[in-house]
Amino acid sequence: MEEFEHVVYILKCKDGTLYTGYTNDLKRRLRLHETGKGAKYTRGRGPFQVEFIERFPTKEEAMQKEYAIKQLDRKEKEQLIRLNKKDVVWVENTKKL
């Protein structure tokens, strides 16, 4: 079992809206979003750009972070994204897999 397998992520949808989610398999979850099966909110809003990721050792910690992000307003989410943009690079590289 990997040490940091629980991930909170933010997607930017093609309409410019932001979606925050949790998963324990990010590549699989992104594929589901792209095929319209990831979340009701994201259906028809693709393609998506991964804007933020943060890894956690436990599901509880990840779920708490997801909840905290969902309480932020748009401006605060954009600031969070700007401060953590460097962490998203690996996701872009895995899309080719």
PDB file of N, CA and C in Angstrom:
ATOM      1  N   MET A   1       0.844  -1.179   0.000  1.00  0.00           N
ATOM      2  CA  MET A   1       0.000   0.000   0.000  1.00  0.00           C
ATOM      3  C   MET A   1       0.891   1.245   0.000  1.00  0.00           C
ATOM      4  N   GLU A   2       0.581   2.196  -0.883  1.00  0.00           N
ATOM      5  CA  GLU A   2       1.380   3.408  -0.974  1.00  0.00           C
ATOM      6  C   GLU A   2       1.107   4.315   0.212  1.00  0.00           C
ATOM      7  N   GLU A   3       2.117   5.107   0.546  1.00  0.00           N
ATOM      8  CA  GLU A   3       2.019   5.970   1.707  1.00  0.00           C
ATOM      9  C   GLU A   3       1.013   7.109   1.506  1.00  0.00           C
ATOM     10  N   PHE A   4       0.973   7.708   0.317  1.00  0.00           N
ATOM     11  CA  PHE A   4       0.075   8.829   0.050  1.00  0.00           C
ATOM     12  C   PHE A   4      -0.857   8.476  -1.099  1.00  0.00           C
ATOM     13  N   GLU A   5      -1.795   7.588  -0.862  1.00  0.00           N
ATOM     14  CA  GLU A   5      -2.671   7.160  -1.946  1.00  0.00           C
ATOM     15  C   GLU A   5      -3.988   7.925  -2.011  1.00  0.00           C
ATOM     16  N   HIS A   6      -4.275   8.761  -1.046  1.00  0.00           N
ATOM     17  CA  HIS A   6      -5.529   9.515  -1.027  1.00  0.00           C
ATOM     18  C   HIS A   6      -5.276  10.921  -1.559  1.00  0.00           C
ATOM     19  N   VAL A   7      -6.049  11.314  -2.560  1.00  0.00           N
ATOM     20  CA  VAL A   7      -5.781  12.555  -3.284  1.00  0.00           C
ATOM     21  C   VAL A   7      -7.019  13.439  -3.330  1.00  0.00           C
ATOM     22  N   VAL A   8      -6.802  14.728  -3.093  1.00  0.00           N
ATOM     23  CA  VAL A   8      -7.824  15.753  -3.322  1.00  0.00           C
ATOM     24  C   VAL A   8      -7.358  16.523  -4.540  1.00  0.00           C
ATOM     25  N   TYR A   9      -8.287  16.819  -5.453  1.00  0.00           N
ATOM     26  CA  TYR A   9      -7.921  17.486  -6.696  1.00  0.00           C
ATOM     27  C   TYR A   9      -8.957  18.539  -7.061  1.00  0.00           C
ATOM     28  N   ILE A  10      -8.517  19.489  -7.866  1.00  0.00           N
ATOM     29  CA  ILE A  10      -9.423  20.491  -8.423  1.00  0.00           C
ATOM     30  C   ILE A  10      -9.266  20.448  -9.935  1.00  0.00           C
ATOM     31  N   LEU A  11     -10.394  20.336 -10.622  1.00  0.00           N
ATOM     32  CA  LEU A  11     -10.415  20.380 -12.080  1.00  0.00           C
ATOM     33  C   LEU A  11     -10.992  21.707 -12.538  1.00  0.00           C
ATOM     34  N   LYS A  12     -10.454  22.220 -13.616  1.00  0.00           N
ATOM     35  CA  LYS A  12     -11.055  23.368 -14.277  1.00  0.00           C
ATOM     36  C   LYS A  12     -11.801  22.817 -15.482  1.00  0.00           C
ATOM     37  N   CYS A  13     -13.088  23.064 -15.536  1.00  0.00           N
ATOM     38  CA  CYS A  13     -13.926  22.572 -16.626  1.00  0.00           C
ATOM     39  C   CYS A  13     -13.835  23.512 -17.819  1.00  0.00           C
ATOM     40  N   LYS A  14     -14.279  23.044 -18.986  1.00  0.00           N
ATOM     41  CA  LYS A  14     -14.180  23.875 -20.191  1.00  0.00           C
ATOM     42  C   LYS A  14     -14.995  25.155 -20.078  1.00  0.00           C
ATOM     43  N   ASP A  15     -16.027  25.167 -19.209  1.00  0.00           N
ATOM     44  CA  ASP A  15     -16.822  26.386 -19.023  1.00  0.00           C
ATOM     45  C   ASP A  15     -16.208  27.322 -17.973  1.00  0.00           C
ATOM     46  N   GLY A  16     -15.007  26.958 -17.465  1.00  0.00           N
ATOM     47  CA  GLY A  16     -14.302  27.807 -16.521  1.00  0.00           C
ATOM     48  C   GLY A  16     -14.632  27.548 -15.065  1.00  0.00           C
ATOM     49  N   THR A  17     -15.589  26.680 -14.790  1.00  0.00           N
ATOM     50  CA  THR A  17     -15.927  26.367 -13.407  1.00  0.00           C
ATOM     51  C   THR A  17     -14.893  25.416 -12.811  1.00  0.00           C
ATOM     52  N   LEU A  18     -14.867  25.362 -11.487  1.00  0.00           N
ATOM     53  CA  LEU A  18     -13.926  24.504 -10.770  1.00  0.00           C
ATOM     54  C   LEU A  18     -14.685  23.387 -10.064  1.00  0.00           C
ATOM     55  N   TYR A  19     -14.145  22.184 -10.130  1.00  0.00           N
ATOM     56  CA  TYR A  19     -14.719  21.024  -9.451  1.00  0.00           C
ATOM     57  C   TYR A  19     -13.672  20.457  -8.507  1.00  0.00           C
ATOM     58  N   THR A  20     -14.045  20.236  -7.268  1.00  0.00           N
ATOM     59  CA  THR A  20     -13.145  19.647  -6.267  1.00  0.00           C
ATOM     60  C   THR A  20     -13.613  18.239  -5.948  1.00  0.00           C
ATOM     61  N   GLY A  21     -12.673  17.294  -5.920  1.00  0.00           N
ATOM     62  CA  GLY A  21     -13.032  15.920  -5.622  1.00  0.00           C
ATOM     63  C   GLY A  21     -11.950  15.188  -4.849  1.00  0.00           C
ATOM     64  N   TYR A  22     -12.297  13.974  -4.437  1.00  0.00           N
ATOM     65  CA  TYR A  22     -11.401  13.075  -3.709  1.00  0.00           C
ATOM     66  C   TYR A  22     -11.347  11.751  -4.459  1.00  0.00           C
ATOM     67  N   THR A  23     -10.192  11.106  -4.423  1.00  0.00           N
ATOM     68  CA  THR A  23     -10.063   9.764  -4.985  1.00  0.00           C
ATOM     69  C   THR A  23      -8.870   9.049  -4.362  1.00  0.00           C
ATOM     70  N   ASN A  24      -8.846   7.736  -4.527  1.00  0.00           N
ATOM     71  CA  ASN A  24      -7.660   6.983  -4.142  1.00  0.00           C
ATOM     72  C   ASN A  24      -6.970   6.413  -5.385  1.00  0.00           C
ATOM     73  N   ASP A  25      -7.453   6.807  -6.572  1.00  0.00           N
ATOM     74  CA  ASP A  25      -6.849   6.407  -7.843  1.00  0.00           C
ATOM     75  C   ASP A  25      -7.088   7.538  -8.844  1.00  0.00           C
ATOM     76  N   LEU A  26      -6.176   8.485  -8.878  1.00  0.00           N
ATOM     77  CA  LEU A  26      -6.388   9.709  -9.653  1.00  0.00           C
ATOM     78  C   LEU A  26      -6.492   9.451 -11.153  1.00  0.00           C
ATOM     79  N   LYS A  27      -5.613   8.615 -11.704  1.00  0.00           N
ATOM     80  CA  LYS A  27      -5.675   8.364 -13.149  1.00  0.00           C
ATOM     81  C   LYS A  27      -7.021   7.767 -13.543  1.00  0.00           C
ATOM     82  N   ARG A  28      -7.503   6.817 -12.762  1.00  0.00           N
ATOM     83  CA  ARG A  28      -8.804   6.195 -13.031  1.00  0.00           C
ATOM     84  C   ARG A  28      -9.930   7.225 -12.928  1.00  0.00           C
ATOM     85  N   ARG A  29      -9.876   8.038 -11.899  1.00  0.00           N
ATOM     86  CA  ARG A  29     -10.927   9.042 -11.682  1.00  0.00           C
ATOM     87  C   ARG A  29     -10.965  10.073 -12.813  1.00  0.00           C
ATOM     88  N   LEU A  30      -9.792  10.479 -13.297  1.00  0.00           N
ATOM     89  CA  LEU A  30      -9.754  11.425 -14.409  1.00  0.00           C
ATOM     90  C   LEU A  30     -10.345  10.806 -15.675  1.00  0.00           C
ATOM     91  N   ARG A  31     -10.063   9.529 -15.909  1.00  0.00           N
ATOM     92  CA  ARG A  31     -10.674   8.833 -17.059  1.00  0.00           C
ATOM     93  C   ARG A  31     -12.190   8.817 -16.934  1.00  0.00           C
ATOM     94  N   LEU A  32     -12.693   8.579 -15.724  1.00  0.00           N
ATOM     95  CA  LEU A  32     -14.141   8.575 -15.509  1.00  0.00           C
ATOM     96  C   LEU A  32     -14.747   9.953 -15.790  1.00  0.00           C
ATOM     97  N   HIS A  33     -14.079  11.005 -15.333  1.00  0.00           N
ATOM     98  CA  HIS A  33     -14.577  12.351 -15.619  1.00  0.00           C
ATOM     99  C   HIS A  33     -14.637  12.589 -17.131  1.00  0.00           C
ATOM    100  N   GLU A  34     -13.582  12.196 -17.828  1.00  0.00           N
ATOM    101  CA  GLU A  34     -13.519  12.425 -19.280  1.00  0.00           C
ATOM    102  C   GLU A  34     -14.603  11.658 -20.039  1.00  0.00           C
ATOM    103  N   THR A  35     -15.033  10.523 -19.510  1.00  0.00           N
ATOM    104  CA  THR A  35     -16.068   9.731 -20.183  1.00  0.00           C
ATOM    105  C   THR A  35     -17.471  10.065 -19.683  1.00  0.00           C
ATOM    106  N   GLY A  36     -17.576  11.062 -18.811  1.00  0.00           N
ATOM    107  CA  GLY A  36     -18.889  11.486 -18.332  1.00  0.00           C
ATOM    108  C   GLY A  36     -19.427  10.671 -17.179  1.00  0.00           C
ATOM    109  N   LYS A  37     -18.584   9.854 -16.556  1.00  0.00           N
ATOM    110  CA  LYS A  37     -19.034   8.984 -15.468  1.00  0.00           C
ATOM    111  C   LYS A  37     -18.377   9.314 -14.132  1.00  0.00           C
ATOM    112  N   GLY A  38     -17.625  10.407 -14.064  1.00  0.00           N
ATOM    113  CA  GLY A  38     -16.883  10.735 -12.853  1.00  0.00           C
ATOM    114  C   GLY A  38     -17.720  11.376 -11.772  1.00  0.00           C
ATOM    115  N   ALA A  39     -18.556  12.322 -12.134  1.00  0.00           N
ATOM    116  CA  ALA A  39     -19.407  13.033 -11.184  1.00  0.00           C
ATOM    117  C   ALA A  39     -20.517  13.706 -11.986  1.00  0.00           C
ATOM    118  N   LYS A  40     -21.675  13.800 -11.410  1.00  0.00           N
ATOM    119  CA  LYS A  40     -22.799  14.417 -12.101  1.00  0.00           C
ATOM    120  C   LYS A  40     -22.445  15.840 -12.546  1.00  0.00           C
ATOM    121  N   TYR A  41     -21.784  16.595 -11.677  1.00  0.00           N
ATOM    122  CA  TYR A  41     -21.442  17.979 -11.988  1.00  0.00           C
ATOM    123  C   TYR A  41     -20.569  18.101 -13.237  1.00  0.00           C
ATOM    124  N   THR A  42     -19.648  17.178 -13.426  1.00  0.00           N
ATOM    125  CA  THR A  42     -18.691  17.311 -14.520  1.00  0.00           C
ATOM    126  C   THR A  42     -19.211  16.772 -15.851  1.00  0.00           C
ATOM    127  N   ARG A  43     -20.347  16.110 -15.873  1.00  0.00           N
ATOM    128  CA  ARG A  43     -20.882  15.580 -17.136  1.00  0.00           C
ATOM    129  C   ARG A  43     -21.131  16.724 -18.121  1.00  0.00           C
ATOM    130  N   GLY A  44     -20.558  16.576 -19.300  1.00  0.00           N
ATOM    131  CA  GLY A  44     -20.736  17.580 -20.340  1.00  0.00           C
ATOM    132  C   GLY A  44     -19.881  18.819 -20.175  1.00  0.00           C
ATOM    133  N   ARG A  45     -19.035  18.860 -19.165  1.00  0.00           N
ATOM    134  CA  ARG A  45     -18.198  20.042 -18.924  1.00  0.00           C
ATOM    135  C   ARG A  45     -16.746  19.828 -19.336  1.00  0.00           C
ATOM    136  N   GLY A  46     -16.420  18.655 -19.888  1.00  0.00           N
ATOM    137  CA  GLY A  46     -15.048  18.375 -20.291  1.00  0.00           C
ATOM    138  C   GLY A  46     -14.731  19.020 -21.620  1.00  0.00           C
ATOM    139  N   PRO A  47     -13.490  19.083 -22.003  1.00  0.00           N
ATOM    140  CA  PRO A  47     -12.333  18.498 -21.327  1.00  0.00           C
ATOM    141  C   PRO A  47     -11.943  19.282 -20.073  1.00  0.00           C
ATOM    142  N   PHE A  48     -11.147  18.637 -19.258  1.00  0.00           N
ATOM    143  CA  PHE A  48     -10.771  19.192 -17.968  1.00  0.00           C
ATOM    144  C   PHE A  48      -9.273  19.453 -17.899  1.00  0.00           C
ATOM    145  N   GLN A  49      -8.921  20.403 -17.062  1.00  0.00           N
ATOM    146  CA  GLN A  49      -7.519  20.683 -16.768  1.00  0.00           C
ATOM    147  C   GLN A  49      -7.327  20.476 -15.275  1.00  0.00           C
ATOM    148  N   VAL A  50      -6.379  19.636 -14.885  1.00  0.00           N
ATOM    149  CA  VAL A  50      -6.087  19.443 -13.469  1.00  0.00           C
ATOM    150  C   VAL A  50      -5.346  20.675 -12.973  1.00  0.00           C
ATOM    151  N   GLU A  51      -5.908  21.346 -11.990  1.00  0.00           N
ATOM    152  CA  GLU A  51      -5.346  22.590 -11.480  1.00  0.00           C
ATOM    153  C   GLU A  51      -4.660  22.427 -10.122  1.00  0.00           C
ATOM    154  N   PHE A  52      -5.048  21.407  -9.368  1.00  0.00           N
ATOM    155  CA  PHE A  52      -4.540  21.259  -8.001  1.00  0.00           C
ATOM    156  C   PHE A  52      -4.603  19.797  -7.610  1.00  0.00           C
ATOM    157  N   ILE A  53      -3.558  19.322  -6.957  1.00  0.00           N
ATOM    158  CA  ILE A  53      -3.583  18.001  -6.326  1.00  0.00           C
ATOM    159  C   ILE A  53      -2.855  18.088  -4.993  1.00  0.00           C
ATOM    160  N   GLU A  54      -3.358  17.331  -4.039  1.00  0.00           N
ATOM    161  CA  GLU A  54      -2.675  17.201  -2.756  1.00  0.00           C
ATOM    162  C   GLU A  54      -2.893  15.774  -2.277  1.00  0.00           C
ATOM    163  N   ARG A  55      -1.819  15.136  -1.834  1.00  0.00           N
ATOM    164  CA  ARG A  55      -1.869  13.739  -1.405  1.00  0.00           C
ATOM    165  C   ARG A  55      -1.875  13.648   0.118  1.00  0.00           C
ATOM    166  N   PHE A  56      -2.557  12.613   0.626  1.00  0.00           N
ATOM    167  CA  PHE A  56      -2.681  12.413   2.066  1.00  0.00           C
ATOM    168  C   PHE A  56      -2.479  10.943   2.403  1.00  0.00           C
ATOM    169  N   PRO A  57      -1.978  10.648   3.599  1.00  0.00           N
ATOM    170  CA  PRO A  57      -1.782   9.252   3.995  1.00  0.00           C
ATOM    171  C   PRO A  57      -3.087   8.559   4.387  1.00  0.00           C
ATOM    172  N   THR A  58      -4.118   9.314   4.763  1.00  0.00           N
ATOM    173  CA  THR A  58      -5.383   8.685   5.166  1.00  0.00           C
ATOM    174  C   THR A  58      -6.563   9.309   4.431  1.00  0.00           C
ATOM    175  N   LYS A  59      -7.594   8.516   4.290  1.00  0.00           N
ATOM    176  CA  LYS A  59      -8.817   8.993   3.653  1.00  0.00           C
ATOM    177  C   LYS A  59      -9.436  10.132   4.464  1.00  0.00           C
ATOM    178  N   GLU A  60      -9.413  10.006   5.768  1.00  0.00           N
ATOM    179  CA  GLU A  60     -10.003  11.027   6.638  1.00  0.00           C
ATOM    180  C   GLU A  60      -9.371  12.395   6.416  1.00  0.00           C
ATOM    181  N   GLU A  61      -8.048  12.437   6.340  1.00  0.00           N
ATOM    182  CA  GLU A  61      -7.349  13.707   6.110  1.00  0.00           C
ATOM    183  C   GLU A  61      -7.717  14.296   4.750  1.00  0.00           C
ATOM    184  N   ALA A  62      -7.786  13.435   3.756  1.00  0.00           N
ATOM    185  CA  ALA A  62      -8.137  13.900   2.412  1.00  0.00           C
ATOM    186  C   ALA A  62      -9.565  14.435   2.373  1.00  0.00           C
ATOM    187  N   MET A  63     -10.472  13.739   3.008  1.00  0.00           N
ATOM    188  CA  MET A  63     -11.871  14.173   3.010  1.00  0.00           C
ATOM    189  C   MET A  63     -12.030  15.507   3.752  1.00  0.00           C
ATOM    190  N   GLN A  64     -11.261  15.694   4.806  1.00  0.00           N
ATOM    191  CA  GLN A  64     -11.299  16.964   5.532  1.00  0.00           C
ATOM    192  C   GLN A  64     -10.802  18.105   4.651  1.00  0.00           C
ATOM    193  N   LYS A  65      -9.739  17.847   3.885  1.00  0.00           N
ATOM    194  CA  LYS A  65      -9.205  18.874   2.989  1.00  0.00           C
ATOM    195  C   LYS A  65     -10.205  19.173   1.871  1.00  0.00           C
ATOM    196  N   GLU A  66     -10.824  18.130   1.325  1.00  0.00           N
ATOM    197  CA  GLU A  66     -11.822  18.333   0.273  1.00  0.00           C
ATOM    198  C   GLU A  66     -12.945  19.226   0.797  1.00  0.00           C
ATOM    199  N   TYR A  67     -13.433  18.935   1.981  1.00  0.00           N
ATOM    200  CA  TYR A  67     -14.501  19.735   2.582  1.00  0.00           C
ATOM    201  C   TYR A  67     -14.047  21.182   2.774  1.00  0.00           C
ATOM    202  N   ALA A  68     -12.825  21.364   3.271  1.00  0.00           N
ATOM    203  CA  ALA A  68     -12.303  22.714   3.508  1.00  0.00           C
ATOM    204  C   ALA A  68     -12.214  23.500   2.197  1.00  0.00           C
ATOM    205  N   ILE A  69     -11.758  22.851   1.138  1.00  0.00           N
ATOM    206  CA  ILE A  69     -11.666  23.529  -0.156  1.00  0.00           C
ATOM    207  C   ILE A  69     -13.047  23.908  -0.662  1.00  0.00           C
ATOM    208  N   LYS A  70     -14.005  23.026  -0.490  1.00  0.00           N
ATOM    209  CA  LYS A  70     -15.365  23.312  -0.967  1.00  0.00           C
ATOM    210  C   LYS A  70     -16.006  24.478  -0.227  1.00  0.00           C
ATOM    211  N   GLN A  71     -15.479  24.826   0.938  1.00  0.00           N
ATOM    212  CA  GLN A  71     -16.001  25.974   1.692  1.00  0.00           C
ATOM    213  C   GLN A  71     -15.407  27.300   1.210  1.00  0.00           C
ATOM    214  N   LEU A  72     -14.346  27.233   0.410  1.00  0.00           N
ATOM    215  CA  LEU A  72     -13.688  28.441  -0.084  1.00  0.00           C
ATOM    216  C   LEU A  72     -14.485  29.072  -1.216  1.00  0.00           C
ATOM    217  N   ASP A  73     -14.365  30.383  -1.362  1.00  0.00           N
ATOM    218  CA  ASP A  73     -14.981  31.022  -2.520  1.00  0.00           C
ATOM    219  C   ASP A  73     -14.033  30.905  -3.713  1.00  0.00           C
ATOM    220  N   ARG A  74     -14.493  31.305  -4.864  1.00  0.00           N
ATOM    221  CA  ARG A  74     -13.728  31.146  -6.109  1.00  0.00           C
ATOM    222  C   ARG A  74     -12.342  31.788  -6.010  1.00  0.00           C
ATOM    223  N   LYS A  75     -12.286  32.995  -5.495  1.00  0.00           N
ATOM    224  CA  LYS A  75     -11.015  33.718  -5.390  1.00  0.00           C
ATOM    225  C   LYS A  75     -10.022  32.963  -4.502  1.00  0.00           C
ATOM    226  N   GLU A  76     -10.499  32.424  -3.400  1.00  0.00           N
ATOM    227  CA  GLU A  76      -9.635  31.659  -2.490  1.00  0.00           C
ATOM    228  C   GLU A  76      -9.152  30.363  -3.144  1.00  0.00           C
ATOM    229  N   LYS A  77     -10.012  29.714  -3.914  1.00  0.00           N
ATOM    230  CA  LYS A  77      -9.607  28.497  -4.625  1.00  0.00           C
ATOM    231  C   LYS A  77      -8.540  28.817  -5.667  1.00  0.00           C
ATOM    232  N   GLU A  78      -8.711  29.927  -6.372  1.00  0.00           N
ATOM    233  CA  GLU A  78      -7.720  30.316  -7.370  1.00  0.00           C
ATOM    234  C   GLU A  78      -6.377  30.619  -6.720  1.00  0.00           C
ATOM    235  N   GLN A  79      -6.390  31.215  -5.536  1.00  0.00           N
ATOM    236  CA  GLN A  79      -5.144  31.477  -4.814  1.00  0.00           C
ATOM    237  C   GLN A  79      -4.483  30.160  -4.400  1.00  0.00           C
ATOM    238  N   LEU A  80      -5.273  29.213  -3.903  1.00  0.00           N
ATOM    239  CA  LEU A  80      -4.756  27.894  -3.535  1.00  0.00           C
ATOM    240  C   LEU A  80      -4.109  27.221  -4.746  1.00  0.00           C
ATOM    241  N   ILE A  81      -4.759  27.323  -5.889  1.00  0.00           N
ATOM    242  CA  ILE A  81      -4.235  26.737  -7.126  1.00  0.00           C
ATOM    243  C   ILE A  81      -2.903  27.389  -7.495  1.00  0.00           C
ATOM    244  N   ARG A  82      -2.840  28.704  -7.457  1.00  0.00           N
ATOM    245  CA  ARG A  82      -1.597  29.420  -7.803  1.00  0.00           C
ATOM    246  C   ARG A  82      -0.444  29.006  -6.887  1.00  0.00           C
ATOM    247  N   LEU A  83      -0.723  28.854  -5.613  1.00  0.00           N
ATOM    248  CA  LEU A  83       0.327  28.520  -4.653  1.00  0.00           C
ATOM    249  C   LEU A  83       0.834  27.084  -4.797  1.00  0.00           C
ATOM    250  N   ASN A  84       0.045  26.218  -5.434  1.00  0.00           N
ATOM    251  CA  ASN A  84       0.400  24.793  -5.511  1.00  0.00           C
ATOM    252  C   ASN A  84       0.520  24.278  -6.940  1.00  0.00           C
ATOM    253  N   LYS A  85       0.611  25.144  -7.908  1.00  0.00           N
ATOM    254  CA  LYS A  85       0.618  24.732  -9.316  1.00  0.00           C
ATOM    255  C   LYS A  85       1.750  23.765  -9.658  1.00  0.00           C
ATOM    256  N   LYS A  86       2.906  23.914  -9.033  1.00  0.00           N
ATOM    257  CA  LYS A  86       4.053  23.051  -9.346  1.00  0.00           C
ATOM    258  C   LYS A  86       3.760  21.581  -9.082  1.00  0.00           C
ATOM    259  N   ASP A  87       2.850  21.284  -8.167  1.00  0.00           N
ATOM    260  CA  ASP A  87       2.544  19.899  -7.811  1.00  0.00           C
ATOM    261  C   ASP A  87       1.711  19.179  -8.867  1.00  0.00           C
ATOM    262  N   VAL A  88       1.198  19.889  -9.846  1.00  0.00           N
ATOM    263  CA  VAL A  88       0.297  19.307 -10.831  1.00  0.00           C
ATOM    264  C   VAL A  88       1.046  18.727 -12.022  1.00  0.00           C
ATOM    265  N   VAL A  89       2.301  19.018 -12.179  1.00  0.00           N
ATOM    266  CA  VAL A  89       3.066  18.612 -13.356  1.00  0.00           C
ATOM    267  C   VAL A  89       2.998  17.113 -13.612  1.00  0.00           C
ATOM    268  N   TRP A  90       3.097  16.290 -12.596  1.00  0.00           N
ATOM    269  CA  TRP A  90       3.118  14.835 -12.805  1.00  0.00           C
ATOM    270  C   TRP A  90       1.828  14.325 -13.417  1.00  0.00           C
ATOM    271  N   VAL A  91       0.695  14.957 -13.133  1.00  0.00           N
ATOM    272  CA  VAL A  91      -0.580  14.515 -13.697  1.00  0.00           C
ATOM    273  C   VAL A  91      -0.579  14.731 -15.199  1.00  0.00           C
ATOM    274  N   GLU A  92      -0.076  15.859 -15.638  1.00  0.00           N
ATOM    275  CA  GLU A  92      -0.008  16.136 -17.076  1.00  0.00           C
ATOM    276  C   GLU A  92       0.826  15.087 -17.788  1.00  0.00           C
ATOM    277  N   ASN A  93       1.897  14.642 -17.165  1.00  0.00           N
ATOM    278  CA  ASN A  93       2.757  13.639 -17.765  1.00  0.00           C
ATOM    279  C   ASN A  93       2.115  12.265 -17.789  1.00  0.00           C
ATOM    280  N   THR A  94       1.231  11.964 -16.853  1.00  0.00           N
ATOM    281  CA  THR A  94       0.597  10.637 -16.811  1.00  0.00           C
ATOM    282  C   THR A  94      -0.564  10.528 -17.775  1.00  0.00           C
ATOM    283  N   LYS A  95      -1.084  11.631 -18.304  1.00  0.00           N
ATOM    284  CA  LYS A  95      -2.193  11.560 -19.257  1.00  0.00           C
ATOM    285  C   LYS A  95      -1.825  10.786 -20.504  1.00  0.00           C
ATOM    286  N   LYS A  96      -0.556  10.733 -20.817  1.00  0.00           N
ATOM    287  CA  LYS A  96      -0.095  10.050 -22.023  1.00  0.00           C
ATOM    288  C   LYS A  96      -0.037   8.535 -21.841  1.00  0.00           C
ATOM    289  N   LEU A  97      -0.158   8.063 -20.602  1.00  0.00           N
ATOM    290  CA  LEU A  97      -0.044   6.628 -20.324  1.00  0.00           C
ATOM    291  C   LEU A  97      -1.267   5.870 -20.754  1.00  0.00           C
TER     292      LEU A  97
END
